[in-house]
């Protein structure tokens, strides 16, 4: 973890859901172990939160659907996690970016305005 003390105007409980869902997805993508890297920084008056894993990665054919409610590739799961994440980030007037490479891992980059 590389977390700097940055204050941003967010709904605390909603933002916890975002972090929880992204970390759960990272853990699920690494059933045989791996690493999760989390960093926070201030970039252009926004909170930039990065969550990266060394898991399976996401195929480009799947990426276009991952934020759709009820879409999942998991055996156990209902496909709401990333839909919820996207909705919460958009409620905060933020953006979510995704970098993923099959066999190398995935990184979600969140930008949230309202840094104090």
N, C-alpha and C. Protein backbone atom coordinates (compact mmCIF):
# COMPACT_ATOMS: atom_id res chain seq x y z
N UNK A 1 0.83 -1.18 0.00
CA UNK A 1 0.00 0.00 0.00
C UNK A 1 0.87 1.24 0.00
N UNK A 2 0.45 2.19 -0.77
CA UNK A 2 1.09 3.50 -0.79
C UNK A 2 -0.03 4.52 -0.67
N UNK A 3 -0.44 4.78 0.55
CA UNK A 3 -1.59 5.64 0.79
C UNK A 3 -1.14 6.94 1.45
N UNK A 4 -1.41 8.03 0.79
CA UNK A 4 -1.15 9.34 1.36
C UNK A 4 -2.41 9.82 2.04
N UNK A 5 -2.25 10.69 3.02
CA UNK A 5 -3.42 11.24 3.70
C UNK A 5 -4.04 12.29 2.79
N UNK A 6 -5.17 11.93 2.19
CA UNK A 6 -5.88 12.83 1.29
C UNK A 6 -7.34 12.82 1.70
N UNK A 7 -7.89 13.99 1.90
CA UNK A 7 -9.29 14.09 2.27
C UNK A 7 -10.10 14.47 1.03
N UNK A 8 -11.17 13.75 0.80
CA UNK A 8 -12.06 14.04 -0.33
C UNK A 8 -13.50 13.94 0.15
N UNK A 9 -14.36 14.70 -0.49
CA UNK A 9 -15.77 14.67 -0.15
C UNK A 9 -16.42 13.44 -0.77
N UNK A 10 -16.63 12.42 0.05
CA UNK A 10 -17.26 11.19 -0.42
C UNK A 10 -18.24 10.71 0.64
N UNK A 11 -19.16 9.88 0.21
CA UNK A 11 -20.01 9.17 1.15
C UNK A 11 -19.20 7.98 1.65
N UNK A 12 -18.88 7.99 2.93
CA UNK A 12 -17.96 7.01 3.51
C UNK A 12 -18.41 5.57 3.28
N UNK A 13 -19.66 5.27 3.54
CA UNK A 13 -20.15 3.88 3.40
C UNK A 13 -20.15 3.44 1.94
N UNK A 14 -20.56 4.32 1.05
CA UNK A 14 -20.56 3.99 -0.37
C UNK A 14 -19.15 3.73 -0.87
N UNK A 15 -18.22 4.57 -0.43
CA UNK A 15 -16.84 4.40 -0.88
C UNK A 15 -16.22 3.13 -0.33
N UNK A 16 -16.63 2.74 0.87
CA UNK A 16 -16.17 1.45 1.41
C UNK A 16 -16.64 0.30 0.52
N UNK A 17 -17.87 0.39 0.01
CA UNK A 17 -18.39 -0.63 -0.90
C UNK A 17 -17.53 -0.72 -2.16
N UNK A 18 -17.14 0.42 -2.68
CA UNK A 18 -16.28 0.45 -3.88
C UNK A 18 -14.99 -0.31 -3.62
N UNK A 19 -14.33 0.03 -2.54
CA UNK A 19 -13.05 -0.62 -2.20
C UNK A 19 -13.26 -2.11 -1.97
N UNK A 20 -14.30 -2.46 -1.23
CA UNK A 20 -14.58 -3.87 -0.93
C UNK A 20 -14.80 -4.66 -2.22
N UNK A 21 -15.63 -4.16 -3.12
CA UNK A 21 -15.92 -4.90 -4.36
C UNK A 21 -14.67 -5.07 -5.21
N UNK A 22 -13.87 -4.03 -5.30
CA UNK A 22 -12.66 -4.14 -6.13
C UNK A 22 -11.64 -5.10 -5.53
N UNK A 23 -11.51 -5.10 -4.22
CA UNK A 23 -10.58 -6.03 -3.57
C UNK A 23 -11.10 -7.46 -3.68
N UNK A 24 -12.38 -7.67 -3.51
CA UNK A 24 -12.95 -9.02 -3.66
C UNK A 24 -12.69 -9.54 -5.08
N UNK A 25 -12.89 -8.69 -6.08
CA UNK A 25 -12.62 -9.11 -7.45
C UNK A 25 -11.15 -9.48 -7.64
N UNK A 26 -10.25 -8.70 -7.04
CA UNK A 26 -8.83 -9.01 -7.14
C UNK A 26 -8.51 -10.35 -6.50
N UNK A 27 -9.04 -10.58 -5.32
CA UNK A 27 -8.81 -11.85 -4.63
C UNK A 27 -9.35 -13.02 -5.46
N UNK A 28 -10.56 -12.85 -6.01
CA UNK A 28 -11.16 -13.90 -6.83
C UNK A 28 -10.34 -14.20 -8.08
N UNK A 29 -9.62 -13.20 -8.59
CA UNK A 29 -8.81 -13.38 -9.80
C UNK A 29 -7.47 -14.04 -9.51
N UNK A 30 -7.21 -14.34 -8.23
CA UNK A 30 -5.93 -14.93 -7.84
C UNK A 30 -6.15 -16.13 -6.91
N UNK A 31 -6.83 -17.17 -7.38
CA UNK A 31 -7.14 -18.29 -6.48
C UNK A 31 -5.90 -19.04 -5.99
N UNK A 32 -4.78 -18.87 -6.66
CA UNK A 32 -3.56 -19.57 -6.26
C UNK A 32 -2.56 -18.61 -5.61
N UNK A 33 -3.03 -17.43 -5.26
CA UNK A 33 -2.17 -16.44 -4.64
C UNK A 33 -1.76 -15.36 -5.62
N UNK A 34 -1.21 -14.31 -5.10
CA UNK A 34 -0.79 -13.18 -5.91
C UNK A 34 -0.66 -11.95 -5.04
N UNK A 35 -0.63 -10.81 -5.66
CA UNK A 35 -0.46 -9.55 -4.94
C UNK A 35 -1.52 -8.55 -5.34
N UNK A 36 -1.91 -7.74 -4.37
CA UNK A 36 -2.81 -6.62 -4.61
C UNK A 36 -2.06 -5.37 -4.16
N UNK A 37 -2.02 -4.38 -5.04
CA UNK A 37 -1.35 -3.12 -4.75
C UNK A 37 -2.41 -2.02 -4.71
N UNK A 38 -2.38 -1.22 -3.66
CA UNK A 38 -3.33 -0.13 -3.51
C UNK A 38 -2.54 1.15 -3.27
N UNK A 39 -2.88 2.18 -4.03
CA UNK A 39 -2.23 3.47 -3.82
C UNK A 39 -3.25 4.59 -3.93
N UNK A 40 -2.98 5.67 -3.23
CA UNK A 40 -3.82 6.85 -3.29
C UNK A 40 -2.92 8.06 -3.43
N UNK A 41 -3.35 8.99 -4.27
CA UNK A 41 -2.58 10.20 -4.49
C UNK A 41 -3.52 11.32 -4.90
N UNK A 42 -3.02 12.54 -4.84
CA UNK A 42 -3.78 13.69 -5.33
C UNK A 42 -3.24 14.03 -6.71
N UNK A 43 -4.13 13.99 -7.70
CA UNK A 43 -3.75 14.28 -9.07
C UNK A 43 -4.74 15.31 -9.63
N UNK A 44 -4.23 16.48 -9.96
CA UNK A 44 -5.07 17.55 -10.52
C UNK A 44 -6.33 17.80 -9.68
N UNK A 45 -6.14 17.99 -8.38
CA UNK A 45 -7.23 18.26 -7.44
C UNK A 45 -8.27 17.15 -7.37
N UNK A 46 -7.85 15.94 -7.68
CA UNK A 46 -8.73 14.78 -7.55
C UNK A 46 -8.00 13.71 -6.76
N UNK A 47 -8.78 12.91 -6.07
CA UNK A 47 -8.24 11.72 -5.43
C UNK A 47 -8.06 10.67 -6.52
N UNK A 48 -6.86 10.15 -6.64
CA UNK A 48 -6.62 9.05 -7.57
C UNK A 48 -6.33 7.81 -6.73
N UNK A 49 -7.21 6.84 -6.85
CA UNK A 49 -7.06 5.58 -6.13
C UNK A 49 -6.80 4.49 -7.16
N UNK A 50 -5.75 3.74 -6.95
CA UNK A 50 -5.39 2.64 -7.86
C UNK A 50 -5.43 1.32 -7.08
N UNK A 51 -6.10 0.34 -7.67
CA UNK A 51 -6.12 -1.01 -7.11
C UNK A 51 -5.69 -1.94 -8.24
N UNK A 52 -4.56 -2.59 -8.04
CA UNK A 52 -3.97 -3.44 -9.08
C UNK A 52 -3.71 -4.82 -8.50
N UNK A 53 -3.93 -5.83 -9.33
CA UNK A 53 -3.64 -7.19 -8.89
C UNK A 53 -2.79 -7.91 -9.92
N UNK A 54 -2.27 -9.06 -9.52
CA UNK A 54 -1.46 -9.90 -10.41
C UNK A 54 -2.25 -11.14 -10.81
N UNK A 55 -3.55 -10.98 -10.95
CA UNK A 55 -4.43 -12.10 -11.25
C UNK A 55 -4.49 -12.46 -12.72
N UNK A 56 -5.59 -13.11 -13.08
CA UNK A 56 -5.79 -13.63 -14.43
C UNK A 56 -5.82 -12.55 -15.50
N UNK A 57 -6.29 -11.37 -15.16
CA UNK A 57 -6.54 -10.34 -16.16
C UNK A 57 -7.91 -10.56 -16.78
N UNK A 58 -8.38 -9.58 -17.53
CA UNK A 58 -9.71 -9.64 -18.12
C UNK A 58 -9.58 -9.57 -19.63
N UNK A 59 -10.15 -10.53 -20.31
CA UNK A 59 -10.13 -10.58 -21.77
C UNK A 59 -10.89 -9.37 -22.33
N UNK A 60 -10.41 -8.83 -23.43
CA UNK A 60 -11.03 -7.64 -24.02
C UNK A 60 -12.48 -7.87 -24.42
N UNK A 61 -12.86 -9.09 -24.76
CA UNK A 61 -14.26 -9.39 -25.09
C UNK A 61 -15.17 -9.27 -23.87
N UNK A 62 -14.61 -9.46 -22.72
CA UNK A 62 -15.39 -9.40 -21.47
C UNK A 62 -15.45 -7.97 -20.94
N UNK A 63 -14.38 -7.21 -21.14
CA UNK A 63 -14.29 -5.86 -20.58
C UNK A 63 -15.48 -5.00 -20.94
N UNK A 64 -15.98 -5.12 -22.15
CA UNK A 64 -17.08 -4.25 -22.59
C UNK A 64 -18.37 -4.48 -21.80
N UNK A 65 -18.46 -5.61 -21.08
CA UNK A 65 -19.69 -5.95 -20.34
C UNK A 65 -19.56 -5.89 -18.83
N UNK A 66 -18.39 -5.65 -18.30
CA UNK A 66 -18.18 -5.86 -16.86
C UNK A 66 -18.99 -4.94 -15.96
N UNK A 67 -19.42 -3.80 -16.48
CA UNK A 67 -20.20 -2.88 -15.63
C UNK A 67 -21.71 -3.09 -15.78
N UNK A 68 -22.11 -4.04 -16.61
CA UNK A 68 -23.53 -4.34 -16.81
C UNK A 68 -24.08 -5.10 -15.61
N UNK A 69 -25.21 -4.66 -15.05
CA UNK A 69 -25.81 -5.40 -13.93
C UNK A 69 -26.14 -6.83 -14.35
N UNK A 70 -25.86 -7.76 -13.46
CA UNK A 70 -26.12 -9.20 -13.61
C UNK A 70 -25.18 -9.89 -14.59
N UNK A 71 -24.16 -9.21 -15.08
CA UNK A 71 -23.16 -9.86 -15.93
C UNK A 71 -22.04 -10.38 -15.04
N UNK A 72 -21.74 -11.65 -15.17
CA UNK A 72 -20.65 -12.23 -14.39
C UNK A 72 -20.00 -13.38 -15.16
N UNK A 73 -18.74 -13.61 -14.86
CA UNK A 73 -18.04 -14.78 -15.39
C UNK A 73 -17.70 -15.73 -14.25
N UNK A 74 -18.14 -15.39 -13.05
CA UNK A 74 -17.84 -16.19 -11.87
C UNK A 74 -18.89 -17.28 -11.68
N UNK A 75 -18.45 -18.39 -11.13
CA UNK A 75 -19.38 -19.47 -10.78
C UNK A 75 -20.28 -19.02 -9.63
N UNK A 76 -19.67 -18.38 -8.64
CA UNK A 76 -20.43 -17.83 -7.51
C UNK A 76 -20.41 -16.33 -7.62
N UNK A 77 -21.54 -15.75 -7.86
CA UNK A 77 -21.63 -14.30 -8.00
C UNK A 77 -22.86 -13.95 -8.80
N UNK A 78 -23.37 -12.76 -8.56
CA UNK A 78 -24.59 -12.36 -9.27
C UNK A 78 -24.32 -11.25 -10.28
N UNK A 79 -23.10 -10.74 -10.34
CA UNK A 79 -22.78 -9.74 -11.34
C UNK A 79 -23.21 -8.33 -11.00
N UNK A 80 -23.21 -8.01 -9.72
CA UNK A 80 -23.60 -6.65 -9.33
C UNK A 80 -22.43 -5.80 -8.83
N UNK A 81 -21.33 -6.43 -8.45
CA UNK A 81 -20.22 -5.71 -7.83
C UNK A 81 -19.71 -4.54 -8.64
N UNK A 82 -19.31 -4.76 -9.88
CA UNK A 82 -18.74 -3.68 -10.68
C UNK A 82 -19.80 -2.70 -11.15
N UNK A 83 -21.04 -3.15 -11.30
CA UNK A 83 -22.14 -2.23 -11.61
C UNK A 83 -22.33 -1.25 -10.45
N UNK A 84 -22.25 -1.75 -9.23
CA UNK A 84 -22.37 -0.91 -8.04
C UNK A 84 -21.19 0.05 -7.96
N UNK A 85 -19.99 -0.45 -8.21
CA UNK A 85 -18.80 0.39 -8.18
C UNK A 85 -18.96 1.56 -9.15
N UNK A 86 -19.33 1.27 -10.37
CA UNK A 86 -19.48 2.32 -11.39
C UNK A 86 -20.54 3.34 -10.98
N UNK A 87 -21.65 2.87 -10.47
CA UNK A 87 -22.72 3.77 -10.05
C UNK A 87 -22.26 4.70 -8.93
N UNK A 88 -21.56 4.16 -7.96
CA UNK A 88 -21.09 4.98 -6.84
C UNK A 88 -20.06 6.00 -7.31
N UNK A 89 -19.14 5.59 -8.15
CA UNK A 89 -18.13 6.51 -8.66
C UNK A 89 -18.79 7.63 -9.45
N UNK A 90 -19.77 7.30 -10.27
CA UNK A 90 -20.48 8.32 -11.05
C UNK A 90 -21.30 9.24 -10.15
N UNK A 91 -21.87 8.70 -9.06
CA UNK A 91 -22.59 9.54 -8.09
C UNK A 91 -21.67 10.59 -7.48
N UNK A 92 -20.41 10.26 -7.37
CA UNK A 92 -19.42 11.19 -6.82
C UNK A 92 -18.80 12.05 -7.92
N UNK A 93 -19.37 12.01 -9.12
CA UNK A 93 -18.87 12.79 -10.27
C UNK A 93 -17.45 12.38 -10.65
N UNK A 94 -17.13 11.11 -10.39
CA UNK A 94 -15.80 10.60 -10.68
C UNK A 94 -15.76 9.74 -11.93
N UNK A 95 -14.58 9.22 -12.20
CA UNK A 95 -14.40 8.33 -13.35
C UNK A 95 -13.68 7.06 -12.89
N UNK A 96 -13.88 6.01 -13.67
CA UNK A 96 -13.20 4.75 -13.40
C UNK A 96 -12.57 4.27 -14.70
N UNK A 97 -11.30 3.96 -14.63
CA UNK A 97 -10.56 3.46 -15.77
C UNK A 97 -10.09 2.04 -15.46
N UNK A 98 -9.90 1.27 -16.50
CA UNK A 98 -9.48 -0.12 -16.34
C UNK A 98 -8.34 -0.42 -17.28
N UNK A 99 -7.26 -0.97 -16.73
CA UNK A 99 -6.16 -1.52 -17.51
C UNK A 99 -6.07 -2.99 -17.15
N UNK A 100 -6.09 -3.85 -18.15
CA UNK A 100 -6.00 -5.27 -17.86
C UNK A 100 -5.30 -5.99 -19.00
N UNK A 101 -4.52 -6.98 -18.63
CA UNK A 101 -3.83 -7.81 -19.60
C UNK A 101 -3.96 -9.25 -19.14
N UNK A 102 -4.51 -10.08 -20.00
CA UNK A 102 -4.70 -11.49 -19.66
C UNK A 102 -3.36 -12.11 -19.27
N UNK A 103 -3.37 -12.79 -18.13
CA UNK A 103 -2.16 -13.44 -17.63
C UNK A 103 -1.25 -12.52 -16.83
N UNK A 104 -1.55 -11.23 -16.79
CA UNK A 104 -0.69 -10.27 -16.09
C UNK A 104 -1.40 -9.57 -14.94
N UNK A 105 -2.70 -9.36 -15.06
CA UNK A 105 -3.42 -8.71 -13.97
C UNK A 105 -4.28 -7.57 -14.46
N UNK A 106 -4.89 -6.91 -13.47
CA UNK A 106 -5.86 -5.85 -13.73
C UNK A 106 -5.60 -4.69 -12.80
N UNK A 107 -5.84 -3.49 -13.31
CA UNK A 107 -5.74 -2.29 -12.49
C UNK A 107 -6.96 -1.42 -12.73
N UNK A 108 -7.61 -1.03 -11.64
CA UNK A 108 -8.69 -0.06 -11.69
C UNK A 108 -8.13 1.26 -11.17
N UNK A 109 -8.42 2.32 -11.89
CA UNK A 109 -7.96 3.66 -11.51
C UNK A 109 -9.20 4.53 -11.33
N UNK A 110 -9.38 5.01 -10.12
CA UNK A 110 -10.54 5.83 -9.80
C UNK A 110 -10.10 7.27 -9.62
N UNK A 111 -10.83 8.20 -10.19
CA UNK A 111 -10.60 9.63 -9.98
C UNK A 111 -11.86 10.22 -9.37
N UNK A 112 -11.69 10.81 -8.20
CA UNK A 112 -12.82 11.38 -7.47
C UNK A 112 -12.52 12.86 -7.21
N UNK A 113 -13.38 13.76 -7.70
CA UNK A 113 -13.16 15.18 -7.40
C UNK A 113 -13.56 15.50 -5.95
N UNK A 114 -13.26 16.69 -5.54
CA UNK A 114 -13.66 17.12 -4.21
C UNK A 114 -12.58 16.96 -3.16
N UNK A 115 -11.32 16.95 -3.61
CA UNK A 115 -10.22 16.85 -2.65
C UNK A 115 -10.17 18.13 -1.83
N UNK A 116 -10.04 17.96 -0.52
CA UNK A 116 -9.99 19.11 0.38
C UNK A 116 -8.57 19.57 0.59
